[in-house]
Amino acid sequence: MLKKILLLLFLVSLPFASYAQDRVSLPVPPSKGQWAFALEDSLPLYENPDLKADVEYIELPEEWLKVITTVRDSENNLWCKVKVGKFSGWLAQNGILFKVGPKSKTASDLYDAYARKMKKAQKSPELFASEDPNECKAFLGFNPLGMSETSIQKRLGTPTARYTDYFEPQFTTLAYEFPHKDMTFDVCMENGKVYTIRLNNRQAGKISFN
C-alpha cells in the first residue's frame, strides 16, 4: 500500500508542462472562429456546462476541435461545446488549450517599443519576465498585476490563445502571439488575477505552464 501511495504522489508531482509539450505539437489554427485542443488523452465530456451534469469520458484526438459555442459558468470558468465522433458535449476549461483570437499586433508593438528602448540603452533585447509592478509598468505603460482577465483584455485585446492547467486549475495563461515572429506575450494569472507577464520565443500552441 505504501508503495502505491508513493507512486501516486510521484505521478501527481510530475510537471504538467513536459507532458503538455509532447501533446501540443500543432500551431494554433489560422482559421477564424474558436478551436480547442485537449492537453490530456482523455477528458470528461459533460452533457451540460455544469460539473454536476452527466458525463462521458472519451478519448480525445490529438488535433484541434472546432468549438460550436462557449459559455461562462457562475464562477466565470469557460466551457466549450464540441463534437468528437458520435459524441457531442461540453469540455471544461481545465486541460484545454483554446484558440480564441487572431495574432496580436498590440503585443508586437509592445515588443518593438521595448526593443527600441534596449537598443537606445545599447543593450540587446532580451526575453522579459517579471512579477515586479514597476518593471511591468515600464514595459506595458501600466501595472497589470492584480488585474482580472476582463480588465487585462480591455487593455490588450483578445488573446490568441488561453489555457488552464489541468492539475492546478488556479493557473491560467493568456497568450498573445506576434504576427511576424514566433513569439508570444503571456499574461499569467492565478485565481483570476494577473501575477506575472512574460515574453517567450514560441508560437501560442507551444505552451508551458507556470
Protein backbone atom coordinates (compact mmCIF):
# COMPACT_ATOMS: atom_id res chain seq x y z
CA MET A 1 0.00 0.00 0.00
CA LEU A 2 2.81 2.41 0.92
CA LYS A 3 4.50 1.80 -2.44
CA LYS A 4 1.23 2.59 -4.26
CA ILE A 5 0.81 5.83 -2.31
CA LEU A 6 4.40 6.89 -3.04
CA LEU A 7 3.95 6.10 -6.73
CA LEU A 8 0.74 8.15 -6.84
CA LEU A 9 2.45 11.10 -5.15
CA PHE A 10 5.31 10.87 -7.66
CA LEU A 11 2.97 10.87 -10.65
CA VAL A 12 0.98 13.82 -9.33
CA SER A 13 4.20 15.77 -8.75
CA LEU A 14 5.38 15.41 -12.36
CA PRO A 15 5.42 18.80 -14.13
CA PHE A 16 2.42 19.15 -16.41
CA ALA A 17 4.37 21.34 -18.83
CA SER A 18 6.58 18.49 -20.05
CA TYR A 19 3.55 16.34 -20.85
CA ALA A 20 1.67 19.22 -22.45
CA GLN A 21 4.64 19.98 -24.69
CA ASP A 22 4.54 16.40 -26.03
CA ARG A 23 0.79 16.56 -26.55
CA VAL A 24 0.66 20.00 -28.18
CA SER A 25 2.65 19.86 -31.39
CA LEU A 26 0.38 21.77 -33.74
CA PRO A 27 0.39 25.56 -34.19
CA VAL A 28 -2.76 27.47 -33.37
CA PRO A 29 -5.01 27.17 -36.45
CA PRO A 30 -5.18 30.36 -38.56
CA SER A 31 -8.85 29.74 -39.32
CA LYS A 32 -11.39 32.16 -37.93
CA GLY A 33 -13.56 31.11 -35.04
CA GLN A 34 -12.68 29.31 -31.84
CA TRP A 35 -10.89 25.99 -31.58
CA ALA A 36 -9.98 23.68 -28.69
CA PHE A 37 -7.06 21.31 -28.17
CA ALA A 38 -7.13 18.76 -25.34
CA LEU A 39 -3.93 18.59 -23.30
CA GLU A 40 -4.97 15.19 -21.96
CA ASP A 41 -5.68 11.97 -23.87
CA SER A 42 -8.99 11.56 -22.05
CA LEU A 43 -11.24 14.22 -20.53
CA PRO A 44 -14.83 14.30 -19.28
CA LEU A 45 -17.38 15.43 -21.84
CA TYR A 46 -20.37 16.90 -19.97
CA GLU A 47 -23.98 16.85 -21.15
CA ASN A 48 -24.32 20.47 -19.96
CA PRO A 49 -21.78 23.13 -18.89
CA ASP A 50 -22.07 22.09 -15.29
CA LEU A 51 -19.77 19.90 -13.19
CA LYS A 52 -22.86 18.15 -11.81
CA ALA A 53 -24.14 17.20 -15.28
CA ASP A 54 -24.00 13.69 -16.71
CA VAL A 55 -20.55 12.94 -18.08
CA GLU A 56 -18.89 10.64 -20.62
CA TYR A 57 -15.15 10.03 -20.51
CA ILE A 58 -13.85 9.85 -24.07
CA GLU A 59 -10.51 9.58 -25.84
CA LEU A 60 -9.73 12.91 -27.44
CA PRO A 61 -7.86 13.17 -30.76
CA GLU A 62 -4.50 14.91 -30.94
CA GLU A 63 -5.92 17.60 -33.18
CA TRP A 64 -7.79 20.89 -32.93
CA LEU A 65 -11.55 20.60 -32.44
CA LYS A 66 -13.93 23.19 -33.82
CA VAL A 67 -15.77 24.92 -30.97
CA ILE A 68 -19.52 25.06 -31.57
CA THR A 69 -20.17 27.59 -28.82
CA THR A 70 -18.77 28.75 -25.47
CA VAL A 71 -20.30 29.89 -22.18
CA ARG A 72 -19.09 31.03 -18.77
CA ASP A 73 -20.46 29.47 -15.61
CA SER A 74 -21.33 31.29 -12.38
CA GLU A 75 -17.67 31.17 -11.32
CA ASN A 76 -16.53 32.65 -14.66
CA ASN A 77 -14.98 29.36 -15.83
CA LEU A 78 -15.00 28.85 -19.58
CA TRP A 79 -16.83 25.91 -21.19
CA CYS A 80 -16.84 24.92 -24.86
CA LYS A 81 -19.20 22.68 -26.77
CA VAL A 82 -17.53 20.30 -29.25
CA LYS A 83 -18.28 17.19 -31.25
CA VAL A 84 -15.94 14.19 -31.14
CA GLY A 85 -17.04 11.33 -33.35
CA LYS A 86 -20.56 10.31 -32.28
CA PHE A 87 -20.28 12.29 -29.04
CA SER A 88 -21.12 15.94 -28.53
CA GLY A 89 -20.96 17.78 -25.26
CA TRP A 90 -19.14 20.32 -23.13
CA LEU A 91 -15.47 20.47 -22.12
CA ALA A 92 -14.47 22.42 -19.02
CA GLN A 93 -11.51 24.79 -19.38
CA ASN A 94 -9.11 22.68 -17.27
CA GLY A 95 -6.59 20.96 -19.52
CA ILE A 96 -7.84 22.67 -22.69
CA LEU A 97 -5.88 25.00 -24.97
CA PHE A 98 -8.29 27.42 -26.63
CA LYS A 99 -7.62 29.29 -29.84
CA VAL A 100 -9.54 32.49 -29.13
CA GLY A 101 -8.45 35.35 -31.38
CA PRO A 102 -6.01 36.31 -34.15
CA LYS A 103 -2.33 37.11 -33.75
CA SER A 104 -1.75 40.28 -31.76
CA LYS A 105 -0.41 43.49 -33.29
CA THR A 106 -0.70 45.10 -29.85
CA ALA A 107 1.75 42.58 -28.35
CA SER A 108 4.11 43.01 -31.30
CA ASP A 109 4.04 46.82 -30.91
CA LEU A 110 4.83 46.48 -27.21
CA TYR A 111 7.84 44.34 -28.03
CA ASP A 112 9.06 46.76 -30.72
CA ALA A 113 8.87 49.65 -28.25
CA TYR A 114 10.77 47.57 -25.68
CA ALA A 115 13.42 46.64 -28.28
CA ARG A 116 13.91 50.29 -29.22
CA LYS A 117 14.45 51.21 -25.54
CA MET A 118 17.02 48.46 -25.17
CA LYS A 119 18.91 49.46 -28.28
CA LYS A 120 18.88 53.10 -27.19
CA ALA A 121 20.44 51.98 -23.92
CA GLN A 122 22.95 49.99 -26.01
CA LYS A 123 21.57 46.69 -24.78
CA SER A 124 20.30 43.72 -26.74
CA PRO A 125 16.57 42.98 -26.31
CA GLU A 126 16.07 40.02 -24.01
CA LEU A 127 13.11 37.86 -23.16
CA PHE A 128 11.17 39.65 -20.46
CA ALA A 129 9.56 38.15 -17.38
CA SER A 130 8.64 39.95 -14.21
CA GLU A 131 6.38 39.96 -11.18
CA ASP A 132 7.62 43.41 -10.20
CA PRO A 133 4.96 46.16 -10.54
CA ASN A 134 7.46 48.84 -11.61
CA GLU A 135 9.10 46.63 -14.24
CA CYS A 136 5.71 45.55 -15.59
CA LYS A 137 4.57 49.18 -15.75
CA ALA A 138 7.77 50.23 -17.53
CA PHE A 139 7.19 47.51 -20.13
CA LEU A 140 3.43 47.94 -20.63
CA GLY A 141 2.83 51.55 -19.64
CA PHE A 142 0.54 50.38 -16.83
CA ASN A 143 0.74 47.93 -13.94
CA PRO A 144 -1.21 44.76 -14.86
CA LEU A 145 -0.57 42.86 -11.63
CA GLY A 146 -3.77 42.04 -9.80
CA MET A 147 -5.97 42.81 -12.81
CA SER A 148 -8.79 40.46 -13.83
CA GLU A 149 -8.99 38.67 -17.18
CA THR A 150 -11.69 41.07 -18.34
CA SER A 151 -9.68 44.13 -17.32
CA ILE A 152 -6.45 42.99 -18.98
CA GLN A 153 -8.29 42.19 -22.21
CA LYS A 154 -9.74 45.71 -22.25
CA ARG A 155 -6.13 46.94 -22.35
CA LEU A 156 -4.51 44.34 -24.60
CA GLY A 157 -7.40 42.93 -26.63
CA THR A 158 -8.39 39.32 -27.20
CA PRO A 159 -5.52 36.82 -26.74
CA THR A 160 -4.54 34.42 -29.49
CA ALA A 161 -4.93 31.50 -27.09
CA ARG A 162 -5.69 30.74 -23.46
CA TYR A 163 -5.08 27.65 -21.41
CA THR A 164 -5.69 26.44 -17.89
CA ASP A 165 -3.51 23.93 -16.06
CA TYR A 166 -5.30 20.59 -15.59
CA PHE A 167 -3.62 19.67 -12.29
CA GLU A 168 -3.50 23.21 -10.90
CA PRO A 169 -6.59 24.88 -12.37
CA GLN A 170 -5.95 28.09 -10.48
CA PHE A 171 -3.35 28.89 -13.16
CA THR A 172 -4.50 30.32 -16.50
CA THR A 173 -2.33 31.92 -19.19
CA LEU A 174 -3.42 34.32 -21.91
CA ALA A 175 -1.02 34.06 -24.87
CA TYR A 176 -0.75 36.89 -27.41
CA GLU A 177 1.11 35.63 -30.48
CA PHE A 178 3.06 38.07 -32.67
CA PRO A 179 2.07 38.37 -36.35
CA HIS A 180 5.59 38.19 -37.80
CA LYS A 181 7.71 36.49 -35.11
CA ASP A 182 7.49 33.14 -33.35
CA MET A 183 6.98 34.92 -30.05
CA THR A 184 4.20 35.33 -27.53
CA PHE A 185 3.47 37.85 -24.84
CA ASP A 186 1.98 35.86 -21.97
CA VAL A 187 -0.22 37.17 -19.18
CA CYS A 188 -0.10 34.64 -16.34
CA MET A 189 -2.98 34.52 -13.89
CA GLU A 190 -3.55 32.82 -10.56
CA ASN A 191 -7.10 32.55 -9.20
CA GLY A 192 -8.34 35.03 -11.78
CA LYS A 193 -5.72 37.74 -11.14
CA VAL A 194 -2.56 38.62 -13.11
CA TYR A 195 0.60 37.77 -11.18
CA THR A 196 3.32 37.96 -13.87
CA ILE A 197 3.92 38.84 -17.53
CA ARG A 198 6.39 37.19 -19.90
CA LEU A 199 7.85 37.26 -23.39
CA ASN A 200 8.52 33.82 -24.90
CA ASN A 201 10.22 32.54 -28.04
CA ARG A 202 7.44 30.25 -29.26
CA GLN A 203 4.11 30.05 -31.02
CA ALA A 204 0.92 30.23 -28.97
CA GLY A 205 0.37 26.48 -29.38
CA LYS A 206 3.74 25.64 -27.84
CA ILE A 207 2.78 26.18 -24.25
CA SER A 208 4.45 25.82 -20.88
CA PHE A 209 2.77 26.16 -17.54
CA ASN A 210 3.75 28.25 -14.54
